[in-house]
Amino acid sequence: MGSRNYGGFKPEECVVIEDSISGVRAAKAGGFDVFGYVAHDYNNQLKDEATQTFDSMDKLLSMI
């Protein structure tokens, strides 16, 4: 996240997949939408902070 080069894409044209609170916060600070993978004990906090959440990788493709 430290780099400002996103392969020619703007943050609003991307989505970040994260499973940690610190990762969700960093992505949001960078202006990204964040999909939180909530298969961990702290999933309620991810649900509060991520743009969207999912609990199975099978569901991810339909969200994008």
Protein backbone atom coordinates (compact mmCIF):
# COMPACT_ATOMS: atom_id res chain seq x y z
CA MET A 1 0.00 0.00 0.00
CA GLY A 2 2.97 2.30 0.35
CA SER A 3 3.33 2.69 -3.41
CA ARG A 4 1.11 5.13 -5.28
CA ASN A 5 1.46 3.17 -8.55
CA TYR A 6 -1.55 0.89 -8.94
CA GLY A 7 -0.80 -0.40 -12.43
CA GLY A 8 -2.42 2.62 -14.04
CA PHE A 9 -5.68 2.19 -12.13
CA LYS A 10 -7.25 4.66 -9.75
CA PRO A 11 -8.17 3.38 -6.26
CA GLU A 12 -11.88 3.78 -7.06
CA GLU A 13 -11.38 1.37 -10.00
CA CYS A 14 -9.96 -1.35 -7.73
CA VAL A 15 -10.99 -3.52 -4.85
CA VAL A 16 -8.77 -4.83 -2.07
CA ILE A 17 -9.36 -8.27 -0.53
CA GLU A 18 -8.36 -8.35 3.14
CA ASP A 19 -8.67 -10.59 6.18
CA SER A 20 -7.14 -8.31 8.79
CA ILE A 21 -8.34 -5.17 10.51
CA SER A 22 -5.07 -3.35 9.85
CA GLY A 23 -5.25 -4.27 6.16
CA VAL A 24 -8.83 -3.04 5.86
CA ARG A 25 -7.91 0.24 7.50
CA ALA A 26 -4.85 0.72 5.28
CA ALA A 27 -6.84 0.05 2.12
CA LYS A 28 -9.60 2.43 3.16
CA ALA A 29 -7.02 5.10 3.98
CA GLY A 30 -5.74 4.67 0.42
CA GLY A 31 -9.21 5.27 -0.99
CA PHE A 32 -9.96 1.66 -1.93
CA ASP A 33 -13.15 -0.34 -1.49
CA VAL A 34 -12.37 -3.34 0.69
CA PHE A 35 -13.92 -6.81 0.65
CA GLY A 36 -13.30 -8.41 4.02
CA TYR A 37 -12.85 -12.17 4.32
CA VAL A 38 -14.64 -12.96 7.59
CA ALA A 39 -13.60 -16.51 8.38
CA HIS A 40 -11.78 -15.48 11.56
CA ASP A 41 -12.69 -14.78 15.18
CA TYR A 42 -12.63 -11.00 14.70
CA ASN A 43 -15.08 -11.12 11.79
CA ASN A 44 -17.60 -8.78 13.44
CA GLN A 45 -15.08 -5.95 13.42
CA LEU A 46 -14.28 -6.63 9.76
CA LYS A 47 -18.00 -6.50 9.00
CA ASP A 48 -18.14 -3.05 10.59
CA GLU A 49 -15.16 -1.66 8.68
CA ALA A 50 -15.02 -3.36 5.26
CA THR A 51 -17.07 -2.18 2.28
CA GLN A 52 -18.48 -5.70 1.89
CA THR A 53 -17.71 -9.03 3.53
CA PHE A 54 -17.72 -12.65 2.48
CA ASP A 55 -17.15 -15.90 4.36
CA SER A 56 -16.28 -18.23 1.48
CA MET A 57 -13.89 -17.77 -1.43
CA ASP A 58 -16.60 -19.31 -3.62
CA LYS A 59 -18.68 -16.15 -3.05
CA LEU A 60 -15.95 -13.70 -4.01
CA LEU A 61 -16.27 -13.93 -7.80
CA SER A 62 -19.95 -13.04 -7.74
CA MET A 63 -19.18 -9.94 -5.65
CA ILE A 64 -16.69 -8.43 -8.07
